[in-house]
Amino acid sequence: GGIVSRIVLKGKGSSSNEAFTNIQGSATYPIKYDLTRAIG
């Protein structure tokens, strides 16, 4: 069967909104936040 990999990325911006937008540039595929468990 398949495998699940853990990936950690970093984004930076003048605001949280911009940081969330910029981090997409480090990802190979689109990012989905529907399953986010926590924000610190």
PDB file of all heavy atoms in Angstrom:
ATOM      1  N   GLY A   1       0.816  -1.212   0.000  1.00  0.00           N
ATOM      2  CA  GLY A   1       0.000   0.000   0.000  1.00  0.00           C
ATOM      3  C   GLY A   1       0.847   1.258   0.000  1.00  0.00           C
ATOM      4  O   GLY A   1       2.066   1.219  -0.201  1.00  0.00           O
ATOM      5  N   GLY A   2       0.197   2.391   0.221  1.00  0.00           N
ATOM      6  CA  GLY A   2       0.881   3.667   0.129  1.00  0.00           C
ATOM      7  C   GLY A   2       1.619   4.050   1.395  1.00  0.00           C
ATOM      8  O   GLY A   2       1.563   3.362   2.413  1.00  0.00           O
ATOM      9  N   ILE A   3       2.313   5.161   1.323  1.00  0.00           N
ATOM     10  CA  ILE A   3       3.053   5.690   2.456  1.00  0.00           C
ATOM     11  C   ILE A   3       2.645   7.145   2.674  1.00  0.00           C
ATOM     12  O   ILE A   3       2.129   7.801   1.769  1.00  0.00           O
ATOM     13  CB  ILE A   3       4.576   5.600   2.250  1.00  0.00           C
ATOM     14  CG1 ILE A   3       4.980   6.386   0.981  1.00  0.00           C
ATOM     15  CG2 ILE A   3       5.024   4.152   2.157  1.00  0.00           C
ATOM     16  CD1 ILE A   3       6.468   6.477   0.780  1.00  0.00           C
ATOM     17  N   VAL A   4       2.869   7.627   3.875  1.00  0.00           N
ATOM     18  CA  VAL A   4       2.566   9.012   4.208  1.00  0.00           C
ATOM     19  C   VAL A   4       3.854   9.680   4.670  1.00  0.00           C
ATOM     20  O   VAL A   4       4.542   9.166   5.557  1.00  0.00           O
ATOM     21  CB  VAL A   4       1.493   9.104   5.305  1.00  0.00           C
ATOM     22  CG1 VAL A   4       1.290  10.554   5.719  1.00  0.00           C
ATOM     23  CG2 VAL A   4       0.177   8.515   4.818  1.00  0.00           C
ATOM     24  N   SER A   5       4.184  10.804   4.082  1.00  0.00           N
ATOM     25  CA  SER A   5       5.418  11.521   4.410  1.00  0.00           C
ATOM     26  C   SER A   5       5.103  12.803   5.165  1.00  0.00           C
ATOM     27  O   SER A   5       4.074  13.443   4.932  1.00  0.00           O
ATOM     28  CB  SER A   5       6.191  11.869   3.133  1.00  0.00           C
ATOM     29  OG  SER A   5       6.538  10.699   2.423  1.00  0.00           O
ATOM     30  N   ARG A   6       6.000  13.173   6.083  1.00  0.00           N
ATOM     31  CA  ARG A   6       5.888  14.420   6.829  1.00  0.00           C
ATOM     32  C   ARG A   6       6.820  15.433   6.212  1.00  0.00           C
ATOM     33  O   ARG A   6       8.011  15.172   6.019  1.00  0.00           O
ATOM     34  CB  ARG A   6       6.245  14.200   8.297  1.00  0.00           C
ATOM     35  CG  ARG A   6       6.217  15.479   9.148  1.00  0.00           C
ATOM     36  CD  ARG A   6       6.588  15.168  10.587  1.00  0.00           C
ATOM     37  NE  ARG A   6       6.477  16.337  11.444  1.00  0.00           N
ATOM     38  CZ  ARG A   6       7.490  17.151  11.759  1.00  0.00           C
ATOM     39  NH1 ARG A   6       8.713  16.898  11.271  1.00  0.00           N
ATOM     40  NH2 ARG A   6       7.315  18.196  12.547  1.00  0.00           N
ATOM     41  N   ILE A   7       6.298  16.617   5.921  1.00  0.00           N
ATOM     42  CA  ILE A   7       7.075  17.679   5.291  1.00  0.00           C
ATOM     43  C   ILE A   7       6.908  18.954   6.114  1.00  0.00           C
ATOM     44  O   ILE A   7       5.791  19.293   6.519  1.00  0.00           O
ATOM     45  CB  ILE A   7       6.621  17.921   3.834  1.00  0.00           C
ATOM     46  CG1 ILE A   7       6.873  16.675   2.990  1.00  0.00           C
ATOM     47  CG2 ILE A   7       7.328  19.125   3.237  1.00  0.00           C
ATOM     48  CD1 ILE A   7       6.307  16.761   1.599  1.00  0.00           C
ATOM     49  N   VAL A   8       8.002  19.652   6.376  1.00  0.00           N
ATOM     50  CA  VAL A   8       7.974  20.910   7.108  1.00  0.00           C
ATOM     51  C   VAL A   8       8.505  22.016   6.197  1.00  0.00           C
ATOM     52  O   VAL A   8       9.586  21.893   5.626  1.00  0.00           O
ATOM     53  CB  VAL A   8       8.823  20.837   8.396  1.00  0.00           C
ATOM     54  CG1 VAL A   8       8.852  22.193   9.086  1.00  0.00           C
ATOM     55  CG2 VAL A   8       8.257  19.781   9.342  1.00  0.00           C
ATOM     56  N   LEU A   9       7.750  23.090   6.064  1.00  0.00           N
ATOM     57  CA  LEU A   9       8.128  24.208   5.205  1.00  0.00           C
ATOM     58  C   LEU A   9       8.098  25.514   5.998  1.00  0.00           C
ATOM     59  O   LEU A   9       7.472  25.599   7.058  1.00  0.00           O
ATOM     60  CB  LEU A   9       7.174  24.323   4.012  1.00  0.00           C
ATOM     61  CG  LEU A   9       7.078  23.122   3.067  1.00  0.00           C
ATOM     62  CD1 LEU A   9       6.043  23.388   1.985  1.00  0.00           C
ATOM     63  CD2 LEU A   9       8.426  22.802   2.449  1.00  0.00           C
ATOM     64  N   LYS A  10       8.775  26.516   5.456  1.00  0.00           N
ATOM     65  CA  LYS A  10       8.789  27.838   6.066  1.00  0.00           C
ATOM     66  C   LYS A  10       8.439  28.880   5.024  1.00  0.00           C
ATOM     67  O   LYS A  10       8.925  28.851   3.897  1.00  0.00           O
ATOM     68  CB  LYS A  10      10.168  28.149   6.667  1.00  0.00           C
ATOM     69  CG  LYS A  10      10.261  29.551   7.279  1.00  0.00           C
ATOM     70  CD  LYS A  10      11.669  29.858   7.799  1.00  0.00           C
ATOM     71  CE  LYS A  10      11.740  31.279   8.351  1.00  0.00           C
ATOM     72  NZ  LYS A  10      13.093  31.624   8.844  1.00  0.00           N
ATOM     73  N   GLY A  11       7.563  29.809   5.414  1.00  0.00           N
ATOM     74  CA  GLY A  11       7.225  30.940   4.560  1.00  0.00           C
ATOM     75  C   GLY A  11       7.427  32.230   5.322  1.00  0.00           C
ATOM     76  O   GLY A  11       7.435  32.239   6.555  1.00  0.00           O
ATOM     77  N   LYS A  12       7.590  33.320   4.614  1.00  0.00           N
ATOM     78  CA  LYS A  12       7.853  34.605   5.253  1.00  0.00           C
ATOM     79  C   LYS A  12       7.134  35.710   4.497  1.00  0.00           C
ATOM     80  O   LYS A  12       7.009  35.666   3.277  1.00  0.00           O
ATOM     81  CB  LYS A  12       9.360  34.870   5.286  1.00  0.00           C
ATOM     82  CG  LYS A  12       9.778  36.062   6.141  1.00  0.00           C
ATOM     83  CD  LYS A  12      11.291  36.150   6.227  1.00  0.00           C
ATOM     84  CE  LYS A  12      11.740  37.316   7.087  1.00  0.00           C
ATOM     85  NZ  LYS A  12      13.213  37.401   7.205  1.00  0.00           N
ATOM     86  N   GLY A  13       6.642  36.692   5.238  1.00  0.00           N
ATOM     87  CA  GLY A  13       5.966  37.814   4.609  1.00  0.00           C
ATOM     88  C   GLY A  13       5.781  38.953   5.586  1.00  0.00           C
ATOM     89  O   GLY A  13       6.089  38.836   6.777  1.00  0.00           O
ATOM     90  N   SER A  14       5.246  40.043   5.115  1.00  0.00           N
ATOM     91  CA  SER A  14       5.026  41.200   5.975  1.00  0.00           C
ATOM     92  C   SER A  14       3.835  41.000   6.898  1.00  0.00           C
ATOM     93  O   SER A  14       3.649  41.745   7.854  1.00  0.00           O
ATOM     94  CB  SER A  14       4.804  42.454   5.117  1.00  0.00           C
ATOM     95  OG  SER A  14       3.679  42.275   4.259  1.00  0.00           O
ATOM     96  N   SER A  15       3.019  39.981   6.611  1.00  0.00           N
ATOM     97  CA  SER A  15       1.858  39.654   7.430  1.00  0.00           C
ATOM     98  C   SER A  15       1.656  38.146   7.397  1.00  0.00           C
ATOM     99  O   SER A  15       2.264  37.434   6.590  1.00  0.00           O
ATOM    100  CB  SER A  15       0.605  40.367   6.921  1.00  0.00           C
ATOM    101  OG  SER A  15       0.275  39.887   5.622  1.00  0.00           O
ATOM    102  N   SER A  16       0.775  37.653   8.265  1.00  0.00           N
ATOM    103  CA  SER A  16       0.462  36.221   8.265  1.00  0.00           C
ATOM    104  C   SER A  16      -0.139  35.809   6.925  1.00  0.00           C
ATOM    105  O   SER A  16       0.181  34.742   6.385  1.00  0.00           O
ATOM    106  CB  SER A  16      -0.512  35.887   9.400  1.00  0.00           C
ATOM    107  OG  SER A  16       0.092  36.092  10.645  1.00  0.00           O
ATOM    108  N   ASN A  17      -1.006  36.632   6.414  1.00  0.00           N
ATOM    109  CA  ASN A  17      -1.635  36.343   5.126  1.00  0.00           C
ATOM    110  C   ASN A  17      -0.587  36.162   4.038  1.00  0.00           C
ATOM    111  O   ASN A  17      -0.630  35.207   3.254  1.00  0.00           O
ATOM    112  CB  ASN A  17      -2.596  37.486   4.765  1.00  0.00           C
ATOM    113  CG  ASN A  17      -3.444  37.148   3.552  1.00  0.00           C
ATOM    114  OD1 ASN A  17      -3.418  36.030   3.052  1.00  0.00           O
ATOM    115  ND2 ASN A  17      -4.193  38.119   3.072  1.00  0.00           N
ATOM    116  N   GLU A  18       0.387  37.074   4.007  1.00  0.00           N
ATOM    117  CA  GLU A  18       1.434  36.998   2.986  1.00  0.00           C
ATOM    118  C   GLU A  18       2.338  35.794   3.218  1.00  0.00           C
ATOM    119  O   GLU A  18       2.785  35.145   2.255  1.00  0.00           O
ATOM    120  CB  GLU A  18       2.261  38.283   3.006  1.00  0.00           C
ATOM    121  CG  GLU A  18       3.241  38.402   1.845  1.00  0.00           C
ATOM    122  CD  GLU A  18       3.914  39.753   1.806  1.00  0.00           C
ATOM    123  OE1 GLU A  18       3.196  40.766   1.912  1.00  0.00           O
ATOM    124  OE2 GLU A  18       5.161  39.796   1.682  1.00  0.00           O
ATOM    125  N   ALA A  19       2.602  35.456   4.485  1.00  0.00           N
ATOM    126  CA  ALA A  19       3.436  34.285   4.779  1.00  0.00           C
ATOM    127  C   ALA A  19       2.759  33.003   4.310  1.00  0.00           C
ATOM    128  O   ALA A  19       3.404  32.111   3.746  1.00  0.00           O
ATOM    129  CB  ALA A  19       3.719  34.218   6.280  1.00  0.00           C
ATOM    130  N   PHE A  20       1.448  32.899   4.535  1.00  0.00           N
ATOM    131  CA  PHE A  20       0.694  31.736   4.059  1.00  0.00           C
ATOM    132  C   PHE A  20       0.730  31.664   2.534  1.00  0.00           C
ATOM    133  O   PHE A  20       0.805  30.585   1.954  1.00  0.00           O
ATOM    134  CB  PHE A  20      -0.749  31.790   4.549  1.00  0.00           C
ATOM    135  CG  PHE A  20      -0.972  31.136   5.881  1.00  0.00           C
ATOM    136  CD1 PHE A  20      -0.815  31.837   7.068  1.00  0.00           C
ATOM    137  CD2 PHE A  20      -1.350  29.804   5.950  1.00  0.00           C
ATOM    138  CE1 PHE A  20      -1.022  31.234   8.297  1.00  0.00           C
ATOM    139  CE2 PHE A  20      -1.562  29.185   7.180  1.00  0.00           C
ATOM    140  CZ  PHE A  20      -1.394  29.906   8.355  1.00  0.00           C
ATOM    141  N   THR A  21       0.658  32.816   1.883  1.00  0.00           N
ATOM    142  CA  THR A  21       0.692  32.841   0.424  1.00  0.00           C
ATOM    143  C   THR A  21       2.070  32.456  -0.102  1.00  0.00           C
ATOM    144  O   THR A  21       2.202  31.656  -1.045  1.00  0.00           O
ATOM    145  CB  THR A  21       0.313  34.240  -0.092  1.00  0.00           C
ATOM    146  OG1 THR A  21      -0.996  34.587   0.368  1.00  0.00           O
ATOM    147  CG2 THR A  21       0.335  34.285  -1.621  1.00  0.00           C
ATOM    148  N   ASN A  22       3.122  32.993   0.515  1.00  0.00           N
ATOM    149  CA  ASN A  22       4.485  32.753   0.033  1.00  0.00           C
ATOM    150  C   ASN A  22       4.964  31.329   0.260  1.00  0.00           C
ATOM    151  O   ASN A  22       5.811  30.825  -0.489  1.00  0.00           O
ATOM    152  CB  ASN A  22       5.450  33.742   0.694  1.00  0.00           C
ATOM    153  CG  ASN A  22       5.227  35.167   0.214  1.00  0.00           C
ATOM    154  OD1 ASN A  22       4.619  35.391  -0.831  1.00  0.00           O
ATOM    155  ND2 ASN A  22       5.704  36.137   0.975  1.00  0.00           N
ATOM    156  N   ILE A  23       4.449  30.658   1.292  1.00  0.00           N
ATOM    157  CA  ILE A  23       4.915  29.299   1.575  1.00  0.00           C
ATOM    158  C   ILE A  23       4.521  28.341   0.452  1.00  0.00           C
ATOM    159  O   ILE A  23       5.147  27.294   0.276  1.00  0.00           O
ATOM    160  CB  ILE A  23       4.371  28.812   2.942  1.00  0.00           C
ATOM    161  CG1 ILE A  23       5.282  27.708   3.496  1.00  0.00           C
ATOM    162  CG2 ILE A  23       2.930  28.336   2.831  1.00  0.00           C
ATOM    163  CD1 ILE A  23       4.957  27.323   4.925  1.00  0.00           C
ATOM    164  N   GLN A  24       3.502  28.707  -0.299  1.00  0.00           N
ATOM    165  CA  GLN A  24       3.081  27.857  -1.414  1.00  0.00           C
ATOM    166  C   GLN A  24       4.196  27.702  -2.441  1.00  0.00           C
ATOM    167  O   GLN A  24       4.310  26.668  -3.107  1.00  0.00           O
ATOM    168  CB  GLN A  24       1.836  28.454  -2.086  1.00  0.00           C
ATOM    169  CG  GLN A  24       1.302  27.667  -3.267  1.00  0.00           C
ATOM    170  CD  GLN A  24       0.783  26.292  -2.886  1.00  0.00           C
ATOM    171  OE1 GLN A  24      -0.226  26.157  -2.217  1.00  0.00           O
ATOM    172  NE2 GLN A  24       1.496  25.248  -3.304  1.00  0.00           N
ATOM    173  N   GLY A  25       5.064  28.709  -2.526  1.00  0.00           N
ATOM    174  CA  GLY A  25       6.163  28.634  -3.484  1.00  0.00           C
ATOM    175  C   GLY A  25       7.197  27.580  -3.135  1.00  0.00           C
ATOM    176  O   GLY A  25       8.008  27.197  -3.994  1.00  0.00           O
ATOM    177  N   SER A  26       7.201  27.094  -1.884  1.00  0.00           N
ATOM    178  CA  SER A  26       8.140  26.057  -1.462  1.00  0.00           C
ATOM    179  C   SER A  26       7.567  24.655  -1.633  1.00  0.00           C
ATOM    180  O   SER A  26       8.285  23.671  -1.453  1.00  0.00           O
ATOM    181  CB  SER A  26       8.518  26.259   0.008  1.00  0.00           C
ATOM    182  OG  SER A  26       9.048  27.547   0.226  1.00  0.00           O
ATOM    183  N   ALA A  27       6.282  24.568  -1.941  1.00  0.00           N
ATOM    184  CA  ALA A  27       5.612  23.270  -2.028  1.00  0.00           C
ATOM    185  C   ALA A  27       5.554  22.783  -3.473  1.00  0.00           C
ATOM    186  O   ALA A  27       5.380  23.569  -4.404  1.00  0.00           O
ATOM    187  CB  ALA A  27       4.206  23.369  -1.454  1.00  0.00           C
ATOM    188  N   THR A  28       5.682  21.484  -3.625  1.00  0.00           N
ATOM    189  CA  THR A  28       5.579  20.888  -4.955  1.00  0.00           C
ATOM    190  C   THR A  28       4.145  20.918  -5.460  1.00  0.00           C
ATOM    191  O   THR A  28       3.896  21.136  -6.653  1.00  0.00           O
ATOM    192  CB  THR A  28       6.080  19.428  -4.928  1.00  0.00           C
ATOM    193  OG1 THR A  28       7.376  19.399  -4.345  1.00  0.00           O
ATOM    194  CG2 THR A  28       6.136  18.846  -6.330  1.00  0.00           C
ATOM    195  N   TYR A  29       3.205  20.685  -4.537  1.00  0.00           N
ATOM    196  CA  TYR A  29       1.795  20.593  -4.910  1.00  0.00           C
ATOM    197  C   TYR A  29       0.973  21.636  -4.152  1.00  0.00           C
ATOM    198  O   TYR A  29       1.460  22.259  -3.209  1.00  0.00           O
ATOM    199  CB  TYR A  29       1.266  19.191  -4.593  1.00  0.00           C
ATOM    200  CG  TYR A  29       2.030  18.083  -5.260  1.00  0.00           C
ATOM    201  CD1 TYR A  29       2.691  17.113  -4.501  1.00  0.00           C
ATOM    202  CD2 TYR A  29       2.110  18.000  -6.649  1.00  0.00           C
ATOM    203  CE1 TYR A  29       3.398  16.090  -5.107  1.00  0.00           C
ATOM    204  CE2 TYR A  29       2.819  16.975  -7.269  1.00  0.00           C
ATOM    205  CZ  TYR A  29       3.461  16.027  -6.497  1.00  0.00           C
ATOM    206  OH  TYR A  29       4.164  15.025  -7.108  1.00  0.00           O
ATOM    207  N   PRO A  30      -0.290  21.823  -4.529  1.00  0.00           N
ATOM    208  CA  PRO A  30      -1.163  22.753  -3.793  1.00  0.00           C
ATOM    209  C   PRO A  30      -1.295  22.361  -2.328  1.00  0.00           C
ATOM    210  O   PRO A  30      -1.252  21.178  -1.979  1.00  0.00           O
ATOM    211  CB  PRO A  30      -2.512  22.618  -4.518  1.00  0.00           C
ATOM    212  CG  PRO A  30      -2.175  22.115  -5.878  1.00  0.00           C
ATOM    213  CD  PRO A  30      -0.971  21.234  -5.701  1.00  0.00           C
ATOM    214  N   ILE A  31      -1.467  23.375  -1.477  1.00  0.00           N
ATOM    215  CA  ILE A  31      -1.591  23.152  -0.034  1.00  0.00           C
ATOM    216  C   ILE A  31      -3.045  23.326   0.372  1.00  0.00           C
ATOM    217  O   ILE A  31      -3.701  24.293  -0.012  1.00  0.00           O
ATOM    218  CB  ILE A  31      -0.705  24.140   0.744  1.00  0.00           C
ATOM    219  CG1 ILE A  31       0.774  23.882   0.453  1.00  0.00           C
ATOM    220  CG2 ILE A  31      -0.974  24.033   2.244  1.00  0.00           C
ATOM    221  CD1 ILE A  31       1.703  24.898   1.083  1.00  0.00           C
ATOM    222  N   LYS A  32      -3.537  22.367   1.169  1.00  0.00           N
ATOM    223  CA  LYS A  32      -4.891  22.437   1.699  1.00  0.00           C
ATOM    224  C   LYS A  32      -4.826  22.605   3.219  1.00  0.00           C
ATOM    225  O   LYS A  32      -4.105  21.886   3.900  1.00  0.00           O
ATOM    226  CB  LYS A  32      -5.682  21.167   1.356  1.00  0.00           C
ATOM    227  CG  LYS A  32      -5.819  20.907  -0.139  1.00  0.00           C
ATOM    228  CD  LYS A  32      -6.681  21.956  -0.812  1.00  0.00           C
ATOM    229  CE  LYS A  32      -6.864  21.649  -2.293  1.00  0.00           C
ATOM    230  NZ  LYS A  32      -7.683  22.687  -2.961  1.00  0.00           N
ATOM    231  N   TYR A  33      -5.619  23.560   3.748  1.00  0.00           N
ATOM    232  CA  TYR A  33      -5.622  23.830   5.184  1.00  0.00           C
ATOM    233  C   TYR A  33      -6.904  23.360   5.870  1.00  0.00           C
ATOM    234  O   TYR A  33      -7.136  23.681   7.038  1.00  0.00           O
ATOM    235  CB  TYR A  33      -5.421  25.329   5.426  1.00  0.00           C
ATOM    236  CG  TYR A  33      -4.037  25.795   5.034  1.00  0.00           C
ATOM    237  CD1 TYR A  33      -3.804  26.358   3.774  1.00  0.00           C
ATOM    238  CD2 TYR A  33      -2.962  25.653   5.895  1.00  0.00           C
ATOM    239  CE1 TYR A  33      -2.532  26.767   3.399  1.00  0.00           C
ATOM    240  CE2 TYR A  33      -1.685  26.062   5.527  1.00  0.00           C
ATOM    241  CZ  TYR A  33      -1.478  26.618   4.277  1.00  0.00           C
ATOM    242  OH  TYR A  33      -0.219  27.022   3.913  1.00  0.00           O
ATOM    243  N   ASP A  34      -7.707  22.594   5.168  1.00  0.00           N
ATOM    244  CA  ASP A  34      -8.981  22.128   5.725  1.00  0.00           C
ATOM    245  C   ASP A  34      -8.785  21.228   6.938  1.00  0.00           C
ATOM    246  O   ASP A  34      -9.673  21.135   7.792  1.00  0.00           O
ATOM    247  CB  ASP A  34      -9.778  21.363   4.661  1.00  0.00           C
ATOM    248  CG  ASP A  34      -9.908  22.135   3.356  1.00  0.00           C
ATOM    249  OD1 ASP A  34      -8.872  22.297   2.678  1.00  0.00           O
ATOM    250  OD2 ASP A  34     -11.024  22.558   3.028  1.00  0.00           O
ATOM    251  N   LEU A  35      -7.657  20.510   7.015  1.00  0.00           N
ATOM    252  CA  LEU A  35      -7.431  19.544   8.084  1.00  0.00           C
ATOM    253  C   LEU A  35      -6.504  20.073   9.183  1.00  0.00           C
ATOM    254  O   LEU A  35      -6.026  19.304  10.013  1.00  0.00           O
ATOM    255  CB  LEU A  35      -6.838  18.253   7.511  1.00  0.00           C
ATOM    256  CG  LEU A  35      -7.683  17.549   6.437  1.00  0.00           C
ATOM    257  CD1 LEU A  35      -6.984  16.283   5.962  1.00  0.00           C
ATOM    258  CD2 LEU A  35      -9.074  17.234   6.957  1.00  0.00           C
ATOM    259  N   THR A  36      -6.263  21.369   9.196  1.00  0.00           N
ATOM    260  CA  THR A  36      -5.391  21.954  10.210  1.00  0.00           C
ATOM    261  C   THR A  36      -5.926  21.694  11.608  1.00  0.00           C
ATOM    262  O   THR A  36      -7.092  21.976  11.914  1.00  0.00           O
ATOM    263  CB  THR A  36      -5.246  23.471   9.994  1.00  0.00           C
ATOM    264  OG1 THR A  36      -4.704  23.707   8.695  1.00  0.00           O
ATOM    265  CG2 THR A  36      -4.326  24.085  11.035  1.00  0.00           C
ATOM    266  N   ARG A  37      -5.068  21.134  12.474  1.00  0.00           N
ATOM    267  CA  ARG A  37      -5.485  20.796  13.839  1.00  0.00           C
ATOM    268  C   ARG A  37      -5.252  21.934  14.823  1.00  0.00           C
ATOM    269  O   ARG A  37      -6.001  22.108  15.768  1.00  0.00           O
ATOM    270  CB  ARG A  37      -4.698  19.574  14.329  1.00  0.00           C
ATOM    271  CG  ARG A  37      -5.361  18.254  14.220  1.00  0.00           C
ATOM    272  CD  ARG A  37      -5.572  17.751  12.863  1.00  0.00           C
ATOM    273  NE  ARG A  37      -6.046  16.360  12.912  1.00  0.00           N
ATOM    274  CZ  ARG A  37      -6.263  15.621  11.840  1.00  0.00           C
ATOM    275  NH1 ARG A  37      -6.068  16.126  10.652  1.00  0.00           N
ATOM    276  NH2 ARG A  37      -6.710  14.384  11.952  1.00  0.00           N
ATOM    277  N   ALA A  38      -4.162  22.688  14.636  1.00  0.00           N
ATOM    278  CA  ALA A  38      -3.807  23.711  15.622  1.00  0.00           C
ATOM    279  C   ALA A  38      -2.947  24.779  14.973  1.00  0.00           C
ATOM    280  O   ALA A  38      -2.244  24.525  13.986  1.00  0.00           O
ATOM    281  CB  ALA A  38      -3.064  23.082  16.805  1.00  0.00           C
ATOM    282  N   ILE A  39      -2.996  25.967  15.549  1.00  0.00           N
ATOM    283  CA  ILE A  39      -2.115  27.071  15.150  1.00  0.00           C
ATOM    284  C   ILE A  39      -1.501  27.653  16.418  1.00  0.00           C
ATOM    285  O   ILE A  39      -2.209  27.942  17.394  1.00  0.00           O
ATOM    286  CB  ILE A  39      -2.859  28.165  14.369  1.00  0.00           C
ATOM    287  CG1 ILE A  39      -3.251  27.648  12.979  1.00  0.00           C
ATOM    288  CG2 ILE A  39      -2.005  29.418  14.237  1.00  0.00           C
ATOM    289  CD1 ILE A  39      -3.919  28.679  12.103  1.00  0.00           C
ATOM    290  N   GLY A  40      -0.180  27.796  16.397  1.00  0.00           N
ATOM    291  CA  GLY A  40       0.524  28.330  17.553  1.00  0.00           C
ATOM    292  C   GLY A  40       1.221  29.630  17.238  1.00  0.00           C
ATOM    293  O   GLY A  40       1.464  29.970  16.070  1.00  0.00           O
TER     294      GLY A  40
END
